[in-house]
């Protein structure tokens, strides 16, 4: 009996526990995102917003899968899957300054700039990451956003909605006869070149450009950069590989720019890192200490140096780790011409009923953004009308009753 192997755990979406863990992590990510949005006003320090976001993530994560629930799986880990980052207007990549870098610690939000907030939580290695964008306002301001910033936000919103619909496997939500459904399912999945061309059409409608090498990744357990990836507006020598399928979880990203969409590295310290699968005998004690803390706290998920116990020591210890390849550093990057950049990132699950947004920003309030531009391309409008998923169970009849009741009240 002692030699019997423990049954292999199914970590796919076929296991209801997997989806439950994803949804729990997603709810935490969404709740904290909304709380962090409420902190983003003119004059607020970015580093303090990031610190508060991480604190809120840790507090909410601590409340789930504890006591009896976690006793069933003593190996279950939980934590932050992506630290809170707040990227200024022209930044393409997530930005997380350090308290010990005096100049960057003093950077504050400016009214009118487009910022990007990114963060995430993970339960048992099932990570969800979400990114939202907003135009920084003065406190208590309820002004409608107009001009180029409104163009950028609206273009990104519609580009994101189109890309999400292009992620749905062919024929999955087809209606009509069995023959029509079979014909729809036999169609080839949209190519990444086609995806890029549609999003570029939307961007051009609003005088924007898709940010080069905007990448969506297949997610897995303890993995946010799987084997499959979709790359929009790929640069020279860059290509994506893979088609979304039922049973998969993806991080779907859209990034647009009011400028060229071209990217350059910024003259800032890399503060966001992630452990790799490389092993190496580190020589310095400070390096070994840093790696040990990273493995214990973050596993293979991204982290900020400010999350480590001794930030200054981590700045030293991380150098050999990066050089040896046991840690990867994310280079800070921004628009080449300094123009405003947007970004949305949504964690989605693809099931037999369609696409489910697990961790997503709230839909853009179209009443708060006014532009003199609008989409008129029939192909794009047709895609936007398509549902993300089919309704299941008795929800339809319940919804019908509720609608009738509302109409009667009016």
Protein backbone atom coordinates (compact mmCIF):
# COMPACT_ATOMS: atom_id res chain seq x y z
CA UNK A 1 0.00 0.00 0.00
CA UNK A 2 2.83 2.38 0.86
CA UNK A 3 4.21 2.04 -2.70
CA UNK A 4 0.96 3.18 -4.32
CA UNK A 5 1.28 6.47 -6.20
CA UNK A 6 -1.04 9.32 -5.32
CA UNK A 7 -3.60 9.94 -8.07
CA UNK A 8 -2.48 12.57 -10.57
CA UNK A 9 -4.32 15.86 -10.09
CA UNK A 10 -6.15 17.31 -13.08
CA UNK A 11 -5.22 20.99 -13.23
CA UNK A 12 -7.18 21.75 -16.41
CA UNK A 13 -10.55 23.49 -16.57
CA UNK A 14 -12.13 20.01 -16.66
CA UNK A 15 -11.57 20.05 -12.90
CA UNK A 16 -14.22 22.35 -11.33
CA UNK A 17 -11.75 23.22 -8.54
CA UNK A 18 -9.41 24.78 -11.09
CA UNK A 19 -12.05 27.19 -12.37
CA UNK A 20 -13.11 27.98 -8.79
CA UNK A 21 -9.52 28.91 -7.90
CA UNK A 22 -9.20 31.06 -11.02
CA UNK A 23 -12.46 32.81 -10.19
CA UNK A 24 -11.44 33.40 -6.57
CA UNK A 25 -8.13 34.93 -7.68
CA UNK A 26 -9.95 36.96 -10.32
CA UNK A 27 -12.43 38.41 -7.84
CA UNK A 28 -9.58 39.55 -5.61
CA UNK A 29 -7.79 41.09 -8.60
CA UNK A 30 -10.92 42.93 -9.66
CA UNK A 31 -11.73 44.21 -6.15
CA UNK A 32 -8.22 45.56 -5.62
CA UNK A 33 -8.12 47.11 -9.09
CA UNK A 34 -11.25 49.10 -8.30
CA UNK A 35 -9.78 50.22 -4.96
CA UNK A 36 -6.52 51.30 -6.62
CA UNK A 37 -8.40 53.24 -9.31
CA UNK A 38 -9.99 55.28 -6.51
CA UNK A 39 -6.50 56.28 -5.31
CA UNK A 40 -5.38 57.67 -8.66
CA UNK A 41 -5.76 61.43 -8.64
CA UNK A 42 -3.56 64.38 -9.52
CA UNK A 43 -0.63 64.79 -7.13
CA UNK A 44 -0.68 61.25 -5.68
CA UNK A 45 2.69 59.45 -5.53
CA UNK A 46 2.93 56.37 -7.75
CA UNK A 47 5.06 54.40 -5.27
CA UNK A 48 2.52 54.92 -2.49
CA UNK A 49 -0.33 53.77 -4.73
CA UNK A 50 1.64 50.63 -5.61
CA UNK A 51 2.38 49.91 -1.96
CA UNK A 52 -1.28 50.31 -1.02
CA UNK A 53 -2.35 48.04 -3.89
CA UNK A 54 -0.02 45.26 -2.76
CA UNK A 55 -1.20 45.64 0.82
CA UNK A 56 -4.82 45.25 -0.32
CA UNK A 57 -3.94 42.21 -2.41
CA UNK A 58 -2.24 40.53 0.54
CA UNK A 59 -5.15 41.30 2.86
CA UNK A 60 -7.74 39.85 0.49
CA UNK A 61 -5.63 36.80 -0.41
CA UNK A 62 -5.21 36.03 3.30
CA UNK A 63 -9.00 35.74 3.68
CA UNK A 64 -9.47 32.87 1.22
CA UNK A 65 -8.48 29.19 1.25
CA UNK A 66 -7.56 29.06 4.90
CA UNK A 67 -8.33 26.73 7.80
CA UNK A 68 -10.28 23.62 6.79
CA UNK A 69 -10.31 24.49 3.12
CA UNK A 70 -6.54 24.61 2.79
CA UNK A 71 -6.05 21.58 5.06
CA UNK A 72 -7.24 19.37 2.19
CA UNK A 73 -4.23 20.45 0.15
CA UNK A 74 -1.24 21.30 2.30
CA UNK A 75 0.78 22.20 -0.82
CA UNK A 76 -1.67 24.88 -1.94
CA UNK A 77 0.06 28.21 -2.39
CA UNK A 78 -1.53 31.61 -2.79
CA UNK A 79 -0.18 35.08 -3.29
CA UNK A 80 0.33 37.97 -5.66
CA UNK A 81 0.61 36.96 -9.32
CA UNK A 82 1.59 40.46 -10.42
CA UNK A 83 2.55 43.37 -8.15
CA UNK A 84 0.61 46.61 -8.37
CA UNK A 85 2.10 48.78 -11.10
CA UNK A 86 1.04 52.24 -12.24
CA UNK A 87 2.50 53.24 -15.59
CA UNK A 88 2.69 56.94 -16.57
CA UNK A 89 1.30 58.19 -19.86
CA UNK A 90 4.05 57.22 -22.34
CA UNK A 91 5.09 53.99 -20.57
CA UNK A 92 4.34 50.78 -22.46
CA UNK A 93 5.49 48.33 -19.76
CA UNK A 94 4.28 48.04 -16.13
CA UNK A 95 6.05 50.55 -13.87
CA UNK A 96 6.77 50.06 -10.19
CA UNK A 97 9.24 52.53 -8.61
CA UNK A 98 11.27 51.85 -5.47
CA UNK A 99 11.16 53.78 -2.21
CA UNK A 100 14.98 53.74 -2.12
CA UNK A 101 15.28 55.47 -5.52
CA UNK A 102 14.69 58.99 -4.25
CA UNK A 103 13.86 60.67 -7.57
CA UNK A 104 11.42 58.03 -8.77
CA UNK A 105 9.79 57.75 -5.35
CA UNK A 106 8.69 61.38 -5.75
CA UNK A 107 6.96 60.89 -9.12
CA UNK A 108 3.31 61.93 -8.91
CA UNK A 109 0.32 61.59 -11.20
CA UNK A 110 -0.50 64.51 -13.47
CA UNK A 111 -4.00 65.59 -14.41
CA UNK A 112 -4.92 64.59 -17.95
CA UNK A 113 -2.32 61.83 -18.39
CA UNK A 114 -3.35 58.31 -19.37
CA UNK A 115 -2.14 55.80 -16.80
CA UNK A 116 -2.25 52.01 -16.74
CA UNK A 117 -2.88 50.00 -13.54
CA UNK A 118 -1.85 46.34 -13.54
CA UNK A 119 -2.00 43.75 -10.75
CA UNK A 120 -3.09 40.21 -9.97
CA UNK A 121 -3.61 37.38 -7.48
CA UNK A 122 -3.03 33.64 -7.68
CA UNK A 123 -4.55 30.67 -5.85
CA UNK A 124 -2.71 27.33 -6.06
CA UNK A 125 -0.65 28.67 -8.96
CA UNK A 126 -3.69 29.72 -11.00
CA UNK A 127 -2.87 33.34 -11.65
CA UNK A 128 -5.12 36.09 -12.95
CA UNK A 129 -3.77 39.44 -14.10
CA UNK A 130 -5.79 42.51 -15.01
CA UNK A 131 -4.83 45.89 -16.43
CA UNK A 132 -7.03 48.97 -16.70
CA UNK A 133 -6.45 52.48 -18.04
CA UNK A 134 -7.75 55.83 -16.90
CA UNK A 135 -7.28 59.53 -17.48
CA UNK A 136 -6.03 61.13 -14.27
CA UNK A 137 -8.44 63.70 -12.90
CA UNK A 138 -8.35 66.27 -10.15
CA UNK A 139 -10.08 65.14 -6.96
CA UNK A 140 -13.88 65.32 -7.12
CA UNK A 141 -13.72 66.13 -10.84
CA UNK A 142 -16.49 64.58 -12.96
CA UNK A 143 -15.59 66.22 -16.24
CA UNK A 144 -16.24 64.35 -19.48
CA UNK A 145 -12.98 63.41 -21.25
CA UNK A 146 -12.64 64.83 -24.77
CA UNK A 147 -9.90 65.31 -27.35
CA UNK A 148 -7.06 62.92 -28.05
CA UNK A 149 -7.27 61.15 -24.69
CA UNK A 150 -10.91 60.25 -25.41
CA UNK A 151 -9.90 58.99 -28.87
CA UNK A 152 -7.28 56.71 -27.27
CA UNK A 153 -9.56 55.30 -24.59
CA UNK A 154 -12.43 54.60 -27.00
CA UNK A 155 -10.16 53.05 -29.62
CA UNK A 156 -8.64 50.74 -27.02
CA UNK A 157 -12.05 49.76 -25.67
CA UNK A 158 -13.36 48.73 -29.10
CA UNK A 159 -10.08 47.05 -30.09
CA UNK A 160 -10.23 44.99 -26.91
CA UNK A 161 -13.86 43.95 -27.51
CA UNK A 162 -13.00 42.84 -31.06
CA UNK A 163 -9.90 40.89 -29.99
CA UNK A 164 -11.84 39.05 -27.27
CA UNK A 165 -14.37 37.91 -29.86
CA UNK A 166 -11.60 36.76 -32.19
CA UNK A 167 -10.30 34.54 -29.37
CA UNK A 168 -13.44 32.36 -29.49
CA UNK A 169 -12.87 29.09 -31.41
CA UNK A 170 -14.63 28.92 -34.77
CA UNK A 171 -18.21 27.66 -34.69
CA UNK A 172 -18.36 27.44 -30.90
CA UNK A 173 -21.29 29.83 -30.66
CA UNK A 174 -22.74 29.15 -34.11
CA UNK A 175 -26.52 29.22 -34.46
CA UNK A 176 -28.80 27.52 -37.00
CA UNK A 177 -29.02 23.99 -38.35
CA UNK A 178 -26.51 21.25 -37.58
CA UNK A 179 -25.12 21.67 -41.08
CA UNK A 180 -24.63 25.42 -40.57
CA UNK A 181 -22.92 24.81 -37.23
CA UNK A 182 -20.65 22.19 -38.80
CA UNK A 183 -19.74 24.57 -41.60
CA UNK A 184 -18.93 27.36 -39.11
CA UNK A 185 -16.77 25.03 -37.03
CA UNK A 186 -14.82 23.98 -40.13
CA UNK A 187 -13.67 27.52 -40.85
CA UNK A 188 -10.05 28.33 -40.13
CA UNK A 189 -9.24 30.32 -37.01
CA UNK A 190 -8.38 33.97 -37.68
CA UNK A 191 -4.68 34.45 -38.29
CA UNK A 192 -2.67 36.81 -36.14
CA UNK A 193 -2.07 38.95 -39.23
CA UNK A 194 -5.83 39.26 -39.64
CA UNK A 195 -6.26 40.12 -35.95
CA UNK A 196 -3.60 42.83 -36.26
CA UNK A 197 -5.20 44.25 -39.41
CA UNK A 198 -8.63 44.59 -37.77
CA UNK A 199 -7.22 46.27 -34.66
CA UNK A 200 -5.12 48.58 -36.81
CA UNK A 201 -8.31 49.60 -38.66
CA UNK A 202 -9.93 50.52 -35.35
CA UNK A 203 -6.80 52.37 -34.24
CA UNK A 204 -6.63 54.35 -37.49
CA UNK A 205 -10.29 55.35 -37.14
CA UNK A 206 -9.27 57.22 -33.99
CA UNK A 207 -5.88 58.37 -35.37
CA UNK A 208 -3.99 55.93 -33.13
CA UNK A 209 -1.58 53.04 -33.68
CA UNK A 210 -1.34 49.56 -32.17
CA UNK A 211 1.72 49.31 -29.92
CA UNK A 212 4.23 46.99 -31.59
CA UNK A 213 4.61 43.48 -30.17
CA UNK A 214 1.50 43.69 -27.99
CA UNK A 215 1.33 40.10 -26.73
CA UNK A 216 -1.43 37.84 -25.38
CA UNK A 217 -0.23 34.68 -23.62
CA UNK A 218 -1.61 31.26 -22.77
CA UNK A 219 -1.78 30.90 -18.98
CA UNK A 220 -1.20 27.69 -17.03
CA UNK A 221 -0.55 26.60 -13.48
CA UNK A 222 2.39 28.70 -12.22
CA UNK A 223 2.82 30.04 -15.74
CA UNK A 224 1.74 33.34 -17.33
CA UNK A 225 3.82 33.02 -20.49
CA UNK A 226 2.87 29.64 -21.93
CA UNK A 227 3.88 28.05 -25.23
CA UNK A 228 1.14 29.80 -27.20
CA UNK A 229 1.13 33.54 -27.80
CA UNK A 230 -0.60 36.04 -30.05
CA UNK A 231 1.44 39.08 -31.10
CA UNK A 232 -0.23 42.16 -32.55
CA UNK A 233 1.72 44.54 -34.80
CA UNK A 234 4.81 42.32 -34.60
CA UNK A 235 8.22 43.86 -35.20
CA UNK A 236 10.85 42.43 -37.55
CA UNK A 237 11.64 38.80 -36.82
CA UNK A 238 8.86 38.51 -34.23
CA UNK A 239 5.91 36.18 -34.59
CA UNK A 240 3.24 34.61 -32.43
CA UNK A 241 2.39 30.94 -32.40
CA UNK A 242 -0.83 29.17 -31.47
CA UNK A 243 -4.61 29.27 -31.69
CA UNK A 244 -6.94 29.63 -28.67
CA UNK A 245 -8.84 26.43 -27.83
CA UNK A 246 -11.60 25.30 -25.49
CA UNK A 247 -10.25 24.52 -22.02
CA UNK A 248 -7.57 27.23 -22.07
CA UNK A 249 -7.00 30.36 -19.99
CA UNK A 250 -5.38 33.38 -21.66
CA UNK A 251 -4.14 36.80 -20.71
CA UNK A 252 -5.47 38.96 -23.57
CA UNK A 253 -3.69 42.28 -24.05
CA UNK A 254 -4.41 45.34 -26.17
CA UNK A 255 -2.16 48.40 -26.29
CA UNK A 256 -2.62 51.51 -28.44
CA UNK A 257 -0.69 54.75 -28.83
CA UNK A 258 -1.41 58.33 -29.87
CA UNK A 259 2.05 58.28 -31.46
CA UNK A 260 3.89 55.85 -33.72
CA UNK A 261 3.33 52.75 -31.61
CA UNK A 262 7.08 52.09 -31.70
CA UNK A 263 8.82 51.20 -28.45
CA UNK A 264 12.18 52.10 -26.89
CA UNK A 265 13.87 51.11 -23.62
CA UNK A 266 13.74 53.80 -20.94
CA UNK A 267 16.59 55.03 -18.80
CA UNK A 268 15.20 53.62 -15.56
CA UNK A 269 16.20 50.79 -13.26
CA UNK A 270 14.45 47.49 -13.99
CA UNK A 271 12.44 46.84 -10.82
CA UNK A 272 10.10 44.10 -12.08
CA UNK A 273 11.54 40.57 -12.21
CA UNK A 274 10.51 36.95 -12.48
CA UNK A 275 12.16 33.62 -11.68
CA UNK A 276 13.14 31.42 -14.62
CA UNK A 277 13.64 27.65 -14.82
CA UNK A 278 17.42 28.09 -15.07
CA UNK A 279 19.54 26.72 -12.20
CA UNK A 280 22.94 28.15 -11.33
CA UNK A 281 25.28 28.03 -8.35
CA UNK A 282 25.21 31.65 -7.19
CA UNK A 283 28.47 32.81 -5.62
CA UNK A 284 27.42 35.80 -3.53
CA UNK A 285 25.54 35.29 -0.25
CA UNK A 286 23.38 38.35 -1.03
CA UNK A 287 22.38 36.77 -4.35
CA UNK A 288 21.48 33.45 -2.73
CA UNK A 289 19.46 35.25 -0.06
CA UNK A 290 17.56 37.24 -2.67
CA UNK A 291 16.76 34.17 -4.78
CA UNK A 292 15.69 32.19 -1.71
CA UNK A 293 13.23 34.91 -0.71
CA UNK A 294 11.88 35.16 -4.27
CA UNK A 295 11.28 31.40 -4.51
CA UNK A 296 9.51 31.35 -1.15
CA UNK A 297 7.31 34.40 -1.69
CA UNK A 298 6.60 34.55 -5.42
CA UNK A 299 7.44 31.23 -7.06
CA UNK A 300 7.52 31.87 -10.80
CA UNK A 301 5.25 34.94 -10.76
CA UNK A 302 6.51 38.51 -11.38
CA UNK A 303 7.53 40.60 -8.40
CA UNK A 304 8.86 44.07 -7.61
CA UNK A 305 12.10 44.62 -5.73
CA UNK A 306 10.12 46.80 -3.31
CA UNK A 307 8.24 43.68 -2.18
CA UNK A 308 11.40 42.08 -0.79
CA UNK A 309 12.22 42.40 2.88
CA UNK A 310 15.29 44.61 2.38
CA UNK A 311 14.85 46.67 -0.78
CA UNK A 312 18.41 48.02 -0.82
CA UNK A 313 19.95 44.57 -0.33
CA UNK A 314 17.69 43.19 -3.07
CA UNK A 315 19.02 45.79 -5.52
CA UNK A 316 22.49 44.30 -4.95
CA UNK A 317 21.47 40.65 -4.75
CA UNK A 318 19.45 40.70 -7.94
CA UNK A 319 22.43 41.66 -10.13
CA UNK A 320 24.11 38.23 -10.13
CA UNK A 321 20.73 36.49 -10.34
CA UNK A 322 19.92 38.32 -13.58
CA UNK A 323 23.42 37.84 -14.97
CA UNK A 324 23.22 34.09 -14.28
CA UNK A 325 19.77 33.86 -15.82
CA UNK A 326 17.97 32.56 -12.71
CA UNK A 327 15.92 35.76 -12.68
CA UNK A 328 14.62 37.66 -15.68
CA UNK A 329 14.26 41.41 -15.50
CA UNK A 330 11.56 43.27 -17.38
CA UNK A 331 13.15 46.26 -19.08
CA UNK A 332 11.15 49.50 -18.69
CA UNK A 333 9.93 50.62 -22.12
CA UNK A 334 7.93 53.51 -23.51
CA UNK A 335 6.70 55.19 -26.69
CA UNK A 336 9.62 56.40 -28.81
CA UNK A 337 8.08 59.85 -29.27
CA UNK A 338 6.71 60.22 -25.73
CA UNK A 339 3.05 60.02 -26.79
CA UNK A 340 0.32 58.64 -24.54
CA UNK A 341 -0.14 54.87 -24.51
CA UNK A 342 -3.09 52.76 -23.34
CA UNK A 343 -3.29 49.14 -22.23
CA UNK A 344 -5.99 46.65 -21.25
CA UNK A 345 -5.25 43.12 -20.06
CA UNK A 346 -8.03 40.61 -19.40
CA UNK A 347 -7.69 37.07 -18.04
CA UNK A 348 -10.22 34.90 -19.86
CA UNK A 349 -11.33 31.26 -19.78
CA UNK A 350 -12.47 29.56 -22.99
CA UNK A 351 -15.14 26.96 -22.27
CA UNK A 352 -17.64 25.03 -24.39
CA UNK A 353 -20.08 27.90 -23.77
CA UNK A 354 -17.72 30.58 -25.09
CA UNK A 355 -15.42 33.09 -23.47
CA UNK A 356 -15.65 34.08 -19.80
CA UNK A 357 -13.93 37.21 -18.53
CA UNK A 358 -12.29 36.09 -15.28
CA UNK A 359 -10.32 39.21 -14.33
CA UNK A 360 -11.31 42.25 -16.34
CA UNK A 361 -11.56 46.01 -16.01
CA UNK A 362 -15.07 47.42 -15.77
CA UNK A 363 -16.47 48.32 -19.22
CA UNK A 364 -15.67 51.85 -20.37
CA UNK A 365 -18.49 54.28 -19.54
CA UNK A 366 -19.07 55.58 -23.06
CA UNK A 367 -20.93 58.60 -21.70
CA UNK A 368 -17.73 59.89 -20.09
CA UNK A 369 -15.65 59.89 -23.27
CA UNK A 370 -16.63 62.03 -26.24
CA UNK A 371 -14.98 61.84 -29.65
CA UNK A 372 -15.93 63.16 -33.09
CA UNK A 373 -14.72 59.86 -34.57
CA UNK A 374 -16.64 56.60 -34.83
CA UNK A 375 -16.30 53.13 -36.30
CA UNK A 376 -18.14 52.64 -39.59
CA UNK A 377 -16.41 49.54 -40.94
CA UNK A 378 -19.17 46.93 -41.39
CA UNK A 379 -16.92 43.94 -40.70
CA UNK A 380 -15.82 45.39 -37.36
CA UNK A 381 -19.34 46.43 -36.37
CA UNK A 382 -20.58 42.92 -37.14
CA UNK A 383 -17.90 41.39 -34.89
CA UNK A 384 -18.79 43.79 -32.07
CA UNK A 385 -22.40 42.60 -32.21
CA UNK A 386 -21.39 38.98 -31.59
CA UNK A 387 -21.83 37.55 -28.06
CA UNK A 388 -18.87 36.36 -26.01
CA UNK A 389 -20.76 33.33 -24.70
CA UNK A 390 -24.08 31.55 -24.90
CA UNK A 391 -26.57 31.80 -22.06
CA UNK A 392 -27.02 28.60 -20.04
CA UNK A 393 -29.63 27.10 -17.75
CA UNK A 394 -32.75 29.07 -16.89
CA UNK A 395 -31.04 32.45 -16.95
CA UNK A 396 -32.81 33.35 -20.16
CA UNK A 397 -36.32 32.91 -18.77
CA UNK A 398 -35.38 34.70 -15.54
CA UNK A 399 -33.95 37.57 -17.52
CA UNK A 400 -37.09 37.73 -19.64
CA UNK A 401 -39.32 38.03 -16.59
CA UNK A 402 -37.13 40.74 -15.13
CA UNK A 403 -37.16 42.72 -18.40
CA UNK A 404 -40.95 42.55 -18.68
CA UNK A 405 -41.31 43.74 -15.13
CA UNK A 406 -39.01 46.70 -15.72
CA UNK A 407 -40.80 47.71 -18.90
CA UNK A 408 -44.12 47.62 -17.08
CA UNK A 409 -42.76 49.85 -14.34
CA UNK A 410 -41.73 52.43 -16.83
